[in-house]
């Protein structure tokens, strides 16, 4: 073989390698993931980081996910939903209730005493969202998952065992629905993102907060209050979350990398996230127990009083949201039916 032929083959091979290298490089993508809690909190540590690590590994390193906790990319928690639409962040995790009115259909899953456990309720929530929300409330996002946390607990400076004990209590609630609930129960609800809870408790802005156990460890709530009211086998309330990606970012990815995102999205991902959040309740609760805090576990008879007052929240919500295009009664009935279907 002549030197010229060898040289030509060498040039061709080099061009092919360069093309392959360019194609490989073109497929690589770095995603910015933004959320509102400290990195050591249960949800980021046990869910978001685990998800991101899995996506990176399954992509063969072609997807890199930069993690930005505690609003490090700027803004406030209620701005996260807009940030992922506008492309400030590629992926966000947030509470739907931080933007009242933006995700009205999600409120069906925030009704008092509606959830069973976080895993099954989250699977129901994904099925509900897939049918009712992906083309409406979530139409401007690529949804990865939706879920709920474990049963909400009242963490208070003074013991709360009855509805009457809430009279005049300044209480942090996470969403529009829970604000209405606690207003009916006699408290003075004050809406704020969960990172604001510790300072608000320490400065007396609030006397109590309703949050699940899992987040109390990162916020050191057990050091700021001495009483924690649980509702036995019932769940006073839960909060809905969304985990979403910028649509343009997703659409710009190769089919190979889209498949990795898709494989880690949907019903199973949502149910897993809910399960992990509720499992994180136990170690956080133990911190309060070990400190000798007062754990108040209401009896079914005591809970019945709360349910009586809370029942009107559903009725009011249906009347408030129902329009020609929005059947609140049907959505609420569907949410309950899906929770029953998926609950074990």
C-alpha atoms as a PDB file:
ATOM      1  CA  UNK A   1       0.000   0.000   0.000  1.00  0.00           C
ATOM      2  CA  UNK A   2       1.360   3.378  -0.982  1.00  0.00           C
ATOM      3  CA  UNK A   3       2.219   6.060   1.494  1.00  0.00           C
ATOM      4  CA  UNK A   4      -0.453   8.284  -0.128  1.00  0.00           C
ATOM      5  CA  UNK A   5      -3.200   5.702   0.454  1.00  0.00           C
ATOM      6  CA  UNK A   6      -2.078   5.214   4.037  1.00  0.00           C
ATOM      7  CA  UNK A   7      -2.089   8.952   4.550  1.00  0.00           C
ATOM      8  CA  UNK A   8      -5.531   9.277   3.012  1.00  0.00           C
ATOM      9  CA  UNK A   9      -6.880   6.527   5.258  1.00  0.00           C
ATOM     10  CA  UNK A  10      -5.275   8.200   8.227  1.00  0.00           C
ATOM     11  CA  UNK A  11      -6.933  11.490   7.389  1.00  0.00           C
ATOM     12  CA  UNK A  12     -10.308   9.748   6.912  1.00  0.00           C
ATOM     13  CA  UNK A  13      -9.986   7.911  10.212  1.00  0.00           C
ATOM     14  CA  UNK A  14      -9.012  11.112  11.956  1.00  0.00           C
ATOM     15  CA  UNK A  15     -11.983  12.914  10.465  1.00  0.00           C
ATOM     16  CA  UNK A  16     -14.276  10.110  11.602  1.00  0.00           C
ATOM     17  CA  UNK A  17     -12.884  10.210  15.143  1.00  0.00           C
ATOM     18  CA  UNK A  18     -13.248  13.981  15.192  1.00  0.00           C
ATOM     19  CA  UNK A  19     -16.852  13.695  14.032  1.00  0.00           C
ATOM     20  CA  UNK A  20     -17.585  11.061  16.664  1.00  0.00           C
ATOM     21  CA  UNK A  21     -15.940  13.196  19.302  1.00  0.00           C
ATOM     22  CA  UNK A  22     -17.974  16.228  18.215  1.00  0.00           C
ATOM     23  CA  UNK A  23     -21.207  14.192  18.249  1.00  0.00           C
ATOM     24  CA  UNK A  24     -20.395  12.854  21.685  1.00  0.00           C
ATOM     25  CA  UNK A  25     -19.603  16.334  22.941  1.00  0.00           C
ATOM     26  CA  UNK A  26     -22.805  17.697  21.466  1.00  0.00           C
ATOM     27  CA  UNK A  27     -24.827  15.213  23.503  1.00  0.00           C
ATOM     28  CA  UNK A  28     -23.351  16.285  26.821  1.00  0.00           C
ATOM     29  CA  UNK A  29     -25.496  18.620  28.885  1.00  0.00           C
ATOM     30  CA  UNK A  30     -25.167  20.350  32.243  1.00  0.00           C
ATOM     31  CA  UNK A  31     -28.387  21.006  34.145  1.00  0.00           C
ATOM     32  CA  UNK A  32     -28.873  23.421  37.032  1.00  0.00           C
ATOM     33  CA  UNK A  33     -31.173  22.028  39.730  1.00  0.00           C
ATOM     34  CA  UNK A  34     -32.602  24.658  42.097  1.00  0.00           C
ATOM     35  CA  UNK A  35     -34.614  24.244  45.295  1.00  0.00           C
ATOM     36  CA  UNK A  36     -35.374  25.999  48.562  1.00  0.00           C
ATOM     37  CA  UNK A  37     -34.110  23.737  51.363  1.00  0.00           C
ATOM     38  CA  UNK A  38     -30.598  23.302  52.779  1.00  0.00           C
ATOM     39  CA  UNK A  39     -28.651  20.496  51.112  1.00  0.00           C
ATOM     40  CA  UNK A  40     -28.667  18.416  54.311  1.00  0.00           C
ATOM     41  CA  UNK A  41     -32.484  18.396  54.586  1.00  0.00           C
ATOM     42  CA  UNK A  42     -34.182  15.068  53.969  1.00  0.00           C
ATOM     43  CA  UNK A  43     -35.787  15.827  50.609  1.00  0.00           C
ATOM     44  CA  UNK A  44     -32.655  17.148  48.867  1.00  0.00           C
ATOM     45  CA  UNK A  45     -30.333  14.591  50.448  1.00  0.00           C
ATOM     46  CA  UNK A  46     -32.508  11.481  50.111  1.00  0.00           C
ATOM     47  CA  UNK A  47     -34.546  12.274  46.991  1.00  0.00           C
ATOM     48  CA  UNK A  48     -33.201  15.040  44.757  1.00  0.00           C
ATOM     49  CA  UNK A  49     -29.523  14.138  45.048  1.00  0.00           C
ATOM     50  CA  UNK A  50     -30.248  10.422  44.697  1.00  0.00           C
ATOM     51  CA  UNK A  51     -32.306  11.116  41.583  1.00  0.00           C
ATOM     52  CA  UNK A  52     -29.589  13.352  40.127  1.00  0.00           C
ATOM     53  CA  UNK A  53     -26.855  10.790  40.829  1.00  0.00           C
ATOM     54  CA  UNK A  54     -28.930   8.100  39.133  1.00  0.00           C
ATOM     55  CA  UNK A  55     -29.547  10.230  36.043  1.00  0.00           C
ATOM     56  CA  UNK A  56     -25.855  11.056  35.774  1.00  0.00           C
ATOM     57  CA  UNK A  57     -24.875   7.405  36.101  1.00  0.00           C
ATOM     58  CA  UNK A  58     -27.463   6.112  33.630  1.00  0.00           C
ATOM     59  CA  UNK A  59     -26.444   8.747  31.082  1.00  0.00           C
ATOM     60  CA  UNK A  60     -22.872   7.531  31.183  1.00  0.00           C
ATOM     61  CA  UNK A  61     -21.792  10.908  32.455  1.00  0.00           C
ATOM     62  CA  UNK A  62     -23.302  12.784  29.519  1.00  0.00           C
ATOM     63  CA  UNK A  63     -25.738  14.527  31.861  1.00  0.00           C
ATOM     64  CA  UNK A  64     -24.198  16.573  34.655  1.00  0.00           C
ATOM     65  CA  UNK A  65     -26.482  18.034  37.302  1.00  0.00           C
ATOM     66  CA  UNK A  66     -25.311  21.002  39.336  1.00  0.00           C
ATOM     67  CA  UNK A  67     -27.197  21.234  42.642  1.00  0.00           C
ATOM     68  CA  UNK A  68     -28.200  24.623  44.040  1.00  0.00           C
ATOM     69  CA  UNK A  69     -29.901  24.359  47.470  1.00  0.00           C
ATOM     70  CA  UNK A  70     -31.327  27.166  49.594  1.00  0.00           C
ATOM     71  CA  UNK A  71     -32.184  29.379  46.592  1.00  0.00           C
ATOM     72  CA  UNK A  72     -28.510  29.820  45.661  1.00  0.00           C
ATOM     73  CA  UNK A  73     -29.429  30.855  42.118  1.00  0.00           C
ATOM     74  CA  UNK A  74     -31.332  33.800  43.555  1.00  0.00           C
ATOM     75  CA  UNK A  75     -34.959  34.678  44.123  1.00  0.00           C
ATOM     76  CA  UNK A  76     -37.410  33.396  46.694  1.00  0.00           C
ATOM     77  CA  UNK A  77     -39.152  29.994  46.936  1.00  0.00           C
ATOM     78  CA  UNK A  78     -42.417  31.243  45.334  1.00  0.00           C
ATOM     79  CA  UNK A  79     -40.375  32.169  42.239  1.00  0.00           C
ATOM     80  CA  UNK A  80     -39.116  28.647  41.539  1.00  0.00           C
ATOM     81  CA  UNK A  81     -41.988  27.665  39.265  1.00  0.00           C
ATOM     82  CA  UNK A  82     -41.368  30.720  37.091  1.00  0.00           C
ATOM     83  CA  UNK A  83     -37.616  30.131  37.137  1.00  0.00           C
ATOM     84  CA  UNK A  84     -37.949  26.735  35.477  1.00  0.00           C
ATOM     85  CA  UNK A  85     -40.321  28.118  32.839  1.00  0.00           C
ATOM     86  CA  UNK A  86     -38.036  31.081  32.141  1.00  0.00           C
ATOM     87  CA  UNK A  87     -34.874  28.971  32.037  1.00  0.00           C
ATOM     88  CA  UNK A  88     -33.160  30.508  35.060  1.00  0.00           C
ATOM     89  CA  UNK A  89     -32.987  26.931  36.326  1.00  0.00           C
ATOM     90  CA  UNK A  90     -33.181  23.752  34.259  1.00  0.00           C
ATOM     91  CA  UNK A  91     -34.805  21.706  37.036  1.00  0.00           C
ATOM     92  CA  UNK A  92     -36.680  22.849  40.131  1.00  0.00           C
ATOM     93  CA  UNK A  93     -38.388  21.297  43.122  1.00  0.00           C
ATOM     94  CA  UNK A  94     -40.991  23.345  44.960  1.00  0.00           C
ATOM     95  CA  UNK A  95     -44.285  23.430  46.844  1.00  0.00           C
ATOM     96  CA  UNK A  96     -47.233  24.076  44.535  1.00  0.00           C
ATOM     97  CA  UNK A  97     -48.917  26.109  47.266  1.00  0.00           C
ATOM     98  CA  UNK A  98     -46.122  28.690  47.262  1.00  0.00           C
ATOM     99  CA  UNK A  99     -47.836  30.237  44.221  1.00  0.00           C
ATOM    100  CA  UNK A 100     -51.542  30.403  45.151  1.00  0.00           C
ATOM    101  CA  UNK A 101     -53.849  30.158  42.159  1.00  0.00           C
ATOM    102  CA  UNK A 102     -51.190  28.892  39.742  1.00  0.00           C
ATOM    103  CA  UNK A 103     -51.846  25.178  40.247  1.00  0.00           C
ATOM    104  CA  UNK A 104     -55.483  25.083  41.409  1.00  0.00           C
ATOM    105  CA  UNK A 105     -56.097  21.424  40.516  1.00  0.00           C
ATOM    106  CA  UNK A 106     -53.339  20.296  42.876  1.00  0.00           C
ATOM    107  CA  UNK A 107     -55.332  21.629  45.821  1.00  0.00           C
ATOM    108  CA  UNK A 108     -57.643  18.605  45.668  1.00  0.00           C
ATOM    109  CA  UNK A 109     -54.775  16.618  47.208  1.00  0.00           C
ATOM    110  CA  UNK A 110     -54.272  19.136  50.013  1.00  0.00           C
ATOM    111  CA  UNK A 111     -57.722  18.741  51.558  1.00  0.00           C
ATOM    112  CA  UNK A 112     -57.737  17.883  55.271  1.00  0.00           C
ATOM    113  CA  UNK A 113     -57.751  14.199  56.176  1.00  0.00           C
ATOM    114  CA  UNK A 114     -57.650  13.069  52.530  1.00  0.00           C
ATOM    115  CA  UNK A 115     -54.294  11.276  52.305  1.00  0.00           C
ATOM    116  CA  UNK A 116     -53.569   7.732  53.483  1.00  0.00           C
ATOM    117  CA  UNK A 117     -49.798   7.408  53.234  1.00  0.00           C
ATOM    118  CA  UNK A 118     -47.348   9.424  51.178  1.00  0.00           C
ATOM    119  CA  UNK A 119     -46.309   6.633  48.796  1.00  0.00           C
ATOM    120  CA  UNK A 120     -49.794   5.609  47.692  1.00  0.00           C
ATOM    121  CA  UNK A 121     -51.172   9.137  47.729  1.00  0.00           C
ATOM    122  CA  UNK A 122     -48.248  10.301  45.580  1.00  0.00           C
ATOM    123  CA  UNK A 123     -48.884   7.553  43.034  1.00  0.00           C
ATOM    124  CA  UNK A 124     -52.527   8.651  42.950  1.00  0.00           C
ATOM    125  CA  UNK A 125     -51.435  12.267  42.563  1.00  0.00           C
ATOM    126  CA  UNK A 126     -49.297  11.441  39.511  1.00  0.00           C
ATOM    127  CA  UNK A 127     -52.177   9.607  37.838  1.00  0.00           C
ATOM    128  CA  UNK A 128     -54.463  12.540  38.616  1.00  0.00           C
ATOM    129  CA  UNK A 129     -51.906  15.050  37.319  1.00  0.00           C
ATOM    130  CA  UNK A 130     -51.296  13.038  34.153  1.00  0.00           C
ATOM    131  CA  UNK A 131     -55.000  13.220  33.335  1.00  0.00           C
ATOM    132  CA  UNK A 132     -55.892  16.681  34.602  1.00  0.00           C
ATOM    133  CA  UNK A 133     -52.767  18.840  34.914  1.00  0.00           C
ATOM    134  CA  UNK A 134     -50.031  18.035  32.386  1.00  0.00           C
ATOM    135  CA  UNK A 135     -51.898  19.960  29.687  1.00  0.00           C
ATOM    136  CA  UNK A 136     -53.272  22.658  31.997  1.00  0.00           C
ATOM    137  CA  UNK A 137     -51.532  23.718  35.235  1.00  0.00           C
ATOM    138  CA  UNK A 138     -48.220  22.103  34.213  1.00  0.00           C
ATOM    139  CA  UNK A 139     -48.418  22.748  30.460  1.00  0.00           C
ATOM    140  CA  UNK A 140     -45.363  25.038  30.399  1.00  0.00           C
ATOM    141  CA  UNK A 141     -43.068  22.529  32.151  1.00  0.00           C
ATOM    142  CA  UNK A 142     -41.671  19.052  31.563  1.00  0.00           C
ATOM    143  CA  UNK A 143     -42.888  17.201  34.636  1.00  0.00           C
ATOM    144  CA  UNK A 144     -40.559  14.739  36.328  1.00  0.00           C
ATOM    145  CA  UNK A 145     -42.647  13.935  39.385  1.00  0.00           C
ATOM    146  CA  UNK A 146     -45.334  15.103  41.786  1.00  0.00           C
ATOM    147  CA  UNK A 147     -45.762  13.891  45.335  1.00  0.00           C
ATOM    148  CA  UNK A 148     -46.886  14.625  48.887  1.00  0.00           C
ATOM    149  CA  UNK A 149     -45.113  14.403  52.219  1.00  0.00           C
ATOM    150  CA  UNK A 150     -46.129  12.363  55.255  1.00  0.00           C
ATOM    151  CA  UNK A 151     -48.876  13.455  57.655  1.00  0.00           C
ATOM    152  CA  UNK A 152     -48.584  17.073  58.744  1.00  0.00           C
ATOM    153  CA  UNK A 153     -47.942  17.764  62.424  1.00  0.00           C
ATOM    154  CA  UNK A 154     -48.565  20.864  64.558  1.00  0.00           C
ATOM    155  CA  UNK A 155     -45.353  21.980  66.266  1.00  0.00           C
ATOM    156  CA  UNK A 156     -46.191  24.564  68.928  1.00  0.00           C
ATOM    157  CA  UNK A 157     -44.874  26.487  71.890  1.00  0.00           C
ATOM    158  CA  UNK A 158     -47.991  25.690  73.938  1.00  0.00           C
ATOM    159  CA  UNK A 159     -49.771  22.299  73.948  1.00  0.00           C
ATOM    160  CA  UNK A 160     -52.573  21.905  71.399  1.00  0.00           C
ATOM    161  CA  UNK A 161     -54.976  19.067  72.062  1.00  0.00           C
ATOM    162  CA  UNK A 162     -58.306  20.509  70.985  1.00  0.00           C
ATOM    163  CA  UNK A 163     -59.636  22.878  68.345  1.00  0.00           C
ATOM    164  CA  UNK A 164     -60.237  25.410  71.109  1.00  0.00           C
ATOM    165  CA  UNK A 165     -56.504  25.479  71.859  1.00  0.00           C
ATOM    166  CA  UNK A 166     -55.866  27.059  68.455  1.00  0.00           C
ATOM    167  CA  UNK A 167     -57.828  30.214  69.239  1.00  0.00           C
ATOM    168  CA  UNK A 168     -55.546  33.198  68.649  1.00  0.00           C
ATOM    169  CA  UNK A 169     -52.492  31.059  67.864  1.00  0.00           C
ATOM    170  CA  UNK A 170     -50.266  32.595  65.177  1.00  0.00           C
ATOM    171  CA  UNK A 171     -49.528  29.616  63.030  1.00  0.00           C
ATOM    172  CA  UNK A 172     -47.479  29.061  59.885  1.00  0.00           C
ATOM    173  CA  UNK A 173     -49.366  27.140  57.226  1.00  0.00           C
ATOM    174  CA  UNK A 174     -47.911  26.084  53.855  1.00  0.00           C
ATOM    175  CA  UNK A 175     -50.689  26.689  51.347  1.00  0.00           C
ATOM    176  CA  UNK A 176     -53.961  28.430  50.541  1.00  0.00           C
ATOM    177  CA  UNK A 177     -55.982  25.358  51.533  1.00  0.00           C
ATOM    178  CA  UNK A 178     -54.223  24.930  54.874  1.00  0.00           C
ATOM    179  CA  UNK A 179     -54.553  28.632  55.591  1.00  0.00           C
ATOM    180  CA  UNK A 180     -58.318  28.305  55.135  1.00  0.00           C
ATOM    181  CA  UNK A 181     -58.361  25.173  57.279  1.00  0.00           C
ATOM    182  CA  UNK A 182     -56.607  26.794  60.218  1.00  0.00           C
ATOM    183  CA  UNK A 183     -58.682  29.942  59.947  1.00  0.00           C
ATOM    184  CA  UNK A 184     -61.776  27.787  60.404  1.00  0.00           C
ATOM    185  CA  UNK A 185     -60.074  26.037  63.314  1.00  0.00           C
ATOM    186  CA  UNK A 186     -59.609  29.399  65.073  1.00  0.00           C
ATOM    187  CA  UNK A 187     -55.912  30.062  64.480  1.00  0.00           C
ATOM    188  CA  UNK A 188     -54.367  33.095  62.817  1.00  0.00           C
ATOM    189  CA  UNK A 189     -52.571  31.539  59.842  1.00  0.00           C
ATOM    190  CA  UNK A 190     -49.461  33.198  58.475  1.00  0.00           C
ATOM    191  CA  UNK A 191     -48.202  31.984  55.129  1.00  0.00           C
ATOM    192  CA  UNK A 192     -44.460  31.674  54.581  1.00  0.00           C
ATOM    193  CA  UNK A 193     -42.018  29.297  52.890  1.00  0.00           C
ATOM    194  CA  UNK A 194     -40.695  26.658  55.244  1.00  0.00           C
ATOM    195  CA  UNK A 195     -37.117  28.062  55.459  1.00  0.00           C
ATOM    196  CA  UNK A 196     -38.554  31.103  57.254  1.00  0.00           C
ATOM    197  CA  UNK A 197     -40.020  28.991  60.080  1.00  0.00           C
ATOM    198  CA  UNK A 198     -37.037  28.887  62.514  1.00  0.00           C
ATOM    199  CA  UNK A 199     -36.478  32.652  62.602  1.00  0.00           C
ATOM    200  CA  UNK A 200     -40.218  33.313  62.793  1.00  0.00           C
ATOM    201  CA  UNK A 201     -40.551  30.959  65.766  1.00  0.00           C
ATOM    202  CA  UNK A 202     -37.533  32.380  67.564  1.00  0.00           C
ATOM    203  CA  UNK A 203     -38.700  35.992  67.092  1.00  0.00           C
ATOM    204  CA  UNK A 204     -42.300  35.277  68.078  1.00  0.00           C
ATOM    205  CA  UNK A 205     -43.714  36.076  64.654  1.00  0.00           C
ATOM    206  CA  UNK A 206     -45.491  32.712  64.923  1.00  0.00           C
ATOM    207  CA  UNK A 207     -46.401  30.512  67.882  1.00  0.00           C
ATOM    208  CA  UNK A 208     -46.635  27.279  65.909  1.00  0.00           C
ATOM    209  CA  UNK A 209     -45.958  25.723  62.527  1.00  0.00           C
ATOM    210  CA  UNK A 210     -47.572  22.878  60.643  1.00  0.00           C
ATOM    211  CA  UNK A 211     -44.950  20.861  58.790  1.00  0.00           C
ATOM    212  CA  UNK A 212     -44.141  17.152  58.498  1.00  0.00           C
ATOM    213  CA  UNK A 213     -41.612  15.648  60.869  1.00  0.00           C
ATOM    214  CA  UNK A 214     -38.973  15.077  58.183  1.00  0.00           C
ATOM    215  CA  UNK A 215     -38.101  18.732  57.677  1.00  0.00           C
ATOM    216  CA  UNK A 216     -37.965  19.588  61.401  1.00  0.00           C
ATOM    217  CA  UNK A 217     -34.464  18.174  61.853  1.00  0.00           C
ATOM    218  CA  UNK A 218     -32.847  20.477  59.271  1.00  0.00           C
ATOM    219  CA  UNK A 219     -34.763  23.460  60.691  1.00  0.00           C
ATOM    220  CA  UNK A 220     -34.068  22.472  64.333  1.00  0.00           C
ATOM    221  CA  UNK A 221     -37.736  22.943  65.187  1.00  0.00           C
ATOM    222  CA  UNK A 222     -37.545  20.585  68.172  1.00  0.00           C
ATOM    223  CA  UNK A 223     -35.203  23.111  69.820  1.00  0.00           C
ATOM    224  CA  UNK A 224     -37.626  25.982  69.252  1.00  0.00           C
ATOM    225  CA  UNK A 225     -40.898  24.435  70.437  1.00  0.00           C
ATOM    226  CA  UNK A 226     -41.737  21.875  73.084  1.00  0.00           C
ATOM    227  CA  UNK A 227     -45.018  20.418  71.815  1.00  0.00           C
ATOM    228  CA  UNK A 228     -45.934  18.339  68.782  1.00  0.00           C
ATOM    229  CA  UNK A 229     -49.540  17.346  67.979  1.00  0.00           C
ATOM    230  CA  UNK A 230     -50.146  14.211  65.900  1.00  0.00           C
ATOM    231  CA  UNK A 231     -53.475  12.861  64.661  1.00  0.00           C
ATOM    232  CA  UNK A 232     -53.210   9.128  65.267  1.00  0.00           C
ATOM    233  CA  UNK A 233     -53.850   7.110  62.117  1.00  0.00           C
ATOM    234  CA  UNK A 234     -55.222  10.173  60.332  1.00  0.00           C
ATOM    235  CA  UNK A 235     -53.400  12.887  58.416  1.00  0.00           C
ATOM    236  CA  UNK A 236     -54.515  16.417  59.227  1.00  0.00           C
ATOM    237  CA  UNK A 237     -53.165  17.615  55.890  1.00  0.00           C
ATOM    238  CA  UNK A 238     -50.395  17.160  53.362  1.00  0.00           C
ATOM    239  CA  UNK A 239     -48.617  19.429  50.904  1.00  0.00           C
ATOM    240  CA  UNK A 240     -48.181  18.840  47.179  1.00  0.00           C
ATOM    241  CA  UNK A 241     -44.785  19.166  45.482  1.00  0.00           C
ATOM    242  CA  UNK A 242     -43.712  19.430  41.878  1.00  0.00           C
ATOM    243  CA  UNK A 243     -40.383  18.392  40.365  1.00  0.00           C
ATOM    244  CA  UNK A 244     -40.061  19.816  36.882  1.00  0.00           C
ATOM    245  CA  UNK A 245     -37.702  20.593  34.020  1.00  0.00           C
ATOM    246  CA  UNK A 246     -37.509  23.453  31.545  1.00  0.00           C
ATOM    247  CA  UNK A 247     -39.267  22.329  28.344  1.00  0.00           C
ATOM    248  CA  UNK A 248     -36.776  23.888  25.943  1.00  0.00           C
ATOM    249  CA  UNK A 249     -33.873  22.277  27.768  1.00  0.00           C
ATOM    250  CA  UNK A 250     -35.540  18.880  27.588  1.00  0.00           C
ATOM    251  CA  UNK A 251     -36.487  19.306  23.923  1.00  0.00           C
ATOM    252  CA  UNK A 252     -32.904  20.246  23.033  1.00  0.00           C
ATOM    253  CA  UNK A 253     -31.504  16.997  24.413  1.00  0.00           C
ATOM    254  CA  UNK A 254     -30.753  13.950  22.292  1.00  0.00           C
ATOM    255  CA  UNK A 255     -33.271  11.104  22.237  1.00  0.00           C
ATOM    256  CA  UNK A 256     -30.767   9.052  24.211  1.00  0.00           C
ATOM    257  CA  UNK A 257     -30.631  11.554  27.053  1.00  0.00           C
ATOM    258  CA  UNK A 258     -34.362  12.289  26.945  1.00  0.00           C
ATOM    259  CA  UNK A 259     -34.866   8.558  27.517  1.00  0.00           C
ATOM    260  CA  UNK A 260     -32.779   8.753  30.700  1.00  0.00           C
ATOM    261  CA  UNK A 261     -34.921  11.594  32.052  1.00  0.00           C
ATOM    262  CA  UNK A 262     -38.127   9.794  31.044  1.00  0.00           C
ATOM    263  CA  UNK A 263     -36.998   6.553  32.713  1.00  0.00           C
ATOM    264  CA  UNK A 264     -36.631   8.474  35.973  1.00  0.00           C
ATOM    265  CA  UNK A 265     -39.928  10.350  35.756  1.00  0.00           C
ATOM    266  CA  UNK A 266     -43.562   9.496  36.329  1.00  0.00           C
ATOM    267  CA  UNK A 267     -45.632   7.361  38.676  1.00  0.00           C
ATOM    268  CA  UNK A 268     -42.871   5.192  40.130  1.00  0.00           C
ATOM    269  CA  UNK A 269     -40.586   8.142  40.727  1.00  0.00           C
ATOM    270  CA  UNK A 270     -43.413  10.084  42.401  1.00  0.00           C
ATOM    271  CA  UNK A 271     -44.428   7.180  44.648  1.00  0.00           C
ATOM    272  CA  UNK A 272     -40.794   6.546  45.612  1.00  0.00           C
ATOM    273  CA  UNK A 273     -40.275  10.212  46.529  1.00  0.00           C
ATOM    274  CA  UNK A 274     -43.392  10.247  48.696  1.00  0.00           C
ATOM    275  CA  UNK A 275     -42.297   7.037  50.406  1.00  0.00           C
ATOM    276  CA  UNK A 276     -38.830   8.414  51.161  1.00  0.00           C
ATOM    277  CA  UNK A 277     -40.269  11.628  52.586  1.00  0.00           C
ATOM    278  CA  UNK A 278     -42.541   9.760  54.978  1.00  0.00           C
ATOM    279  CA  UNK A 279     -39.766   7.350  56.002  1.00  0.00           C
ATOM    280  CA  UNK A 280     -37.678  10.394  56.963  1.00  0.00           C
ATOM    281  CA  UNK A 281     -40.327  11.368  59.534  1.00  0.00           C
ATOM    282  CA  UNK A 282     -39.219   8.741  62.082  1.00  0.00           C
ATOM    283  CA  UNK A 283     -35.610   9.841  62.694  1.00  0.00           C
ATOM    284  CA  UNK A 284     -36.676  13.486  62.866  1.00  0.00           C
ATOM    285  CA  UNK A 285     -39.428  12.612  65.351  1.00  0.00           C
ATOM    286  CA  UNK A 286     -36.883  10.736  67.478  1.00  0.00           C
ATOM    287  CA  UNK A 287     -34.921  13.956  67.937  1.00  0.00           C
ATOM    288  CA  UNK A 288     -37.935  15.545  69.628  1.00  0.00           C
ATOM    289  CA  UNK A 289     -38.548  12.416  71.716  1.00  0.00           C
ATOM    290  CA  UNK A 290     -34.918  12.277  72.841  1.00  0.00           C
ATOM    291  CA  UNK A 291     -35.099  15.921  73.883  1.00  0.00           C
ATOM    292  CA  UNK A 292     -38.080  15.101  76.108  1.00  0.00           C
ATOM    293  CA  UNK A 293     -40.512  17.206  74.106  1.00  0.00           C
ATOM    294  CA  UNK A 294     -44.236  16.687  74.596  1.00  0.00           C
ATOM    295  CA  UNK A 295     -45.602  14.392  71.860  1.00  0.00           C
ATOM    296  CA  UNK A 296     -49.396  14.700  71.817  1.00  0.00           C
ATOM    297  CA  UNK A 297     -51.104  11.890  69.922  1.00  0.00           C
ATOM    298  CA  UNK A 298     -54.813  12.593  69.613  1.00  0.00           C
ATOM    299  CA  UNK A 299     -57.353   9.813  70.031  1.00  0.00           C
ATOM    300  CA  UNK A 300     -59.934   9.033  67.321  1.00  0.00           C
ATOM    301  CA  UNK A 301     -62.547  10.761  69.467  1.00  0.00           C
ATOM    302  CA  UNK A 302     -60.419  13.910  69.667  1.00  0.00           C
ATOM    303  CA  UNK A 303     -59.667  13.802  65.934  1.00  0.00           C
ATOM    304  CA  UNK A 304     -63.399  13.622  65.207  1.00  0.00           C
ATOM    305  CA  UNK A 305     -63.774  17.181  66.527  1.00  0.00           C
ATOM    306  CA  UNK A 306     -61.168  18.408  64.030  1.00  0.00           C
ATOM    307  CA  UNK A 307     -62.810  16.504  61.181  1.00  0.00           C
ATOM    308  CA  UNK A 308     -66.161  18.125  61.892  1.00  0.00           C
ATOM    309  CA  UNK A 309     -64.692  21.592  61.562  1.00  0.00           C
ATOM    310  CA  UNK A 310     -62.509  20.650  58.598  1.00  0.00           C
ATOM    311  CA  UNK A 311     -65.367  19.156  56.560  1.00  0.00           C
ATOM    312  CA  UNK A 312     -66.514  22.580  55.415  1.00  0.00           C
ATOM    313  CA  UNK A 313     -63.116  23.242  53.797  1.00  0.00           C
ATOM    314  CA  UNK A 314     -63.927  20.777  51.010  1.00  0.00           C
ATOM    315  CA  UNK A 315     -67.367  22.279  50.438  1.00  0.00           C
ATOM    316  CA  UNK A 316     -65.992  25.812  50.305  1.00  0.00           C
ATOM    317  CA  UNK A 317     -63.217  24.794  47.888  1.00  0.00           C
ATOM    318  CA  UNK A 318     -65.634  23.132  45.480  1.00  0.00           C
ATOM    319  CA  UNK A 319     -67.869  26.183  45.450  1.00  0.00           C
ATOM    320  CA  UNK A 320     -64.954  28.577  45.091  1.00  0.00           C
ATOM    321  CA  UNK A 321     -63.099  26.913  42.203  1.00  0.00           C
ATOM    322  CA  UNK A 322     -65.979  25.558  40.161  1.00  0.00           C
ATOM    323  CA  UNK A 323     -66.550  27.301  36.849  1.00  0.00           C
ATOM    324  CA  UNK A 324     -67.798  26.251  33.423  1.00  0.00           C
ATOM    325  CA  UNK A 325     -64.321  24.855  32.715  1.00  0.00           C
ATOM    326  CA  UNK A 326     -63.408  23.639  36.199  1.00  0.00           C
ATOM    327  CA  UNK A 327     -65.539  21.043  37.976  1.00  0.00           C
ATOM    328  CA  UNK A 328     -64.241  21.147  41.534  1.00  0.00           C
ATOM    329  CA  UNK A 329     -66.618  18.464  42.790  1.00  0.00           C
ATOM    330  CA  UNK A 330     -65.583  16.006  40.067  1.00  0.00           C
ATOM    331  CA  UNK A 331     -61.877  16.680  40.615  1.00  0.00           C
ATOM    332  CA  UNK A 332     -62.148  16.152  44.362  1.00  0.00           C
ATOM    333  CA  UNK A 333     -64.117  12.944  43.910  1.00  0.00           C
ATOM    334  CA  UNK A 334     -61.532  11.726  41.412  1.00  0.00           C
ATOM    335  CA  UNK A 335     -58.687  12.513  43.815  1.00  0.00           C
ATOM    336  CA  UNK A 336     -60.371  10.536  46.595  1.00  0.00           C
ATOM    337  CA  UNK A 337     -61.101   7.612  44.273  1.00  0.00           C
ATOM    338  CA  UNK A 338     -57.493   7.452  43.071  1.00  0.00           C
ATOM    339  CA  UNK A 339     -56.135   7.563  46.620  1.00  0.00           C
ATOM    340  CA  UNK A 340     -58.478   4.698  47.549  1.00  0.00           C
ATOM    341  CA  UNK A 341     -57.451   2.771  44.428  1.00  0.00           C
ATOM    342  CA  UNK A 342     -53.728   3.012  45.131  1.00  0.00           C
ATOM    343  CA  UNK A 343     -53.788   2.710  48.932  1.00  0.00           C
ATOM    344  CA  UNK A 344     -52.743  -0.645  50.344  1.00  0.00           C
END
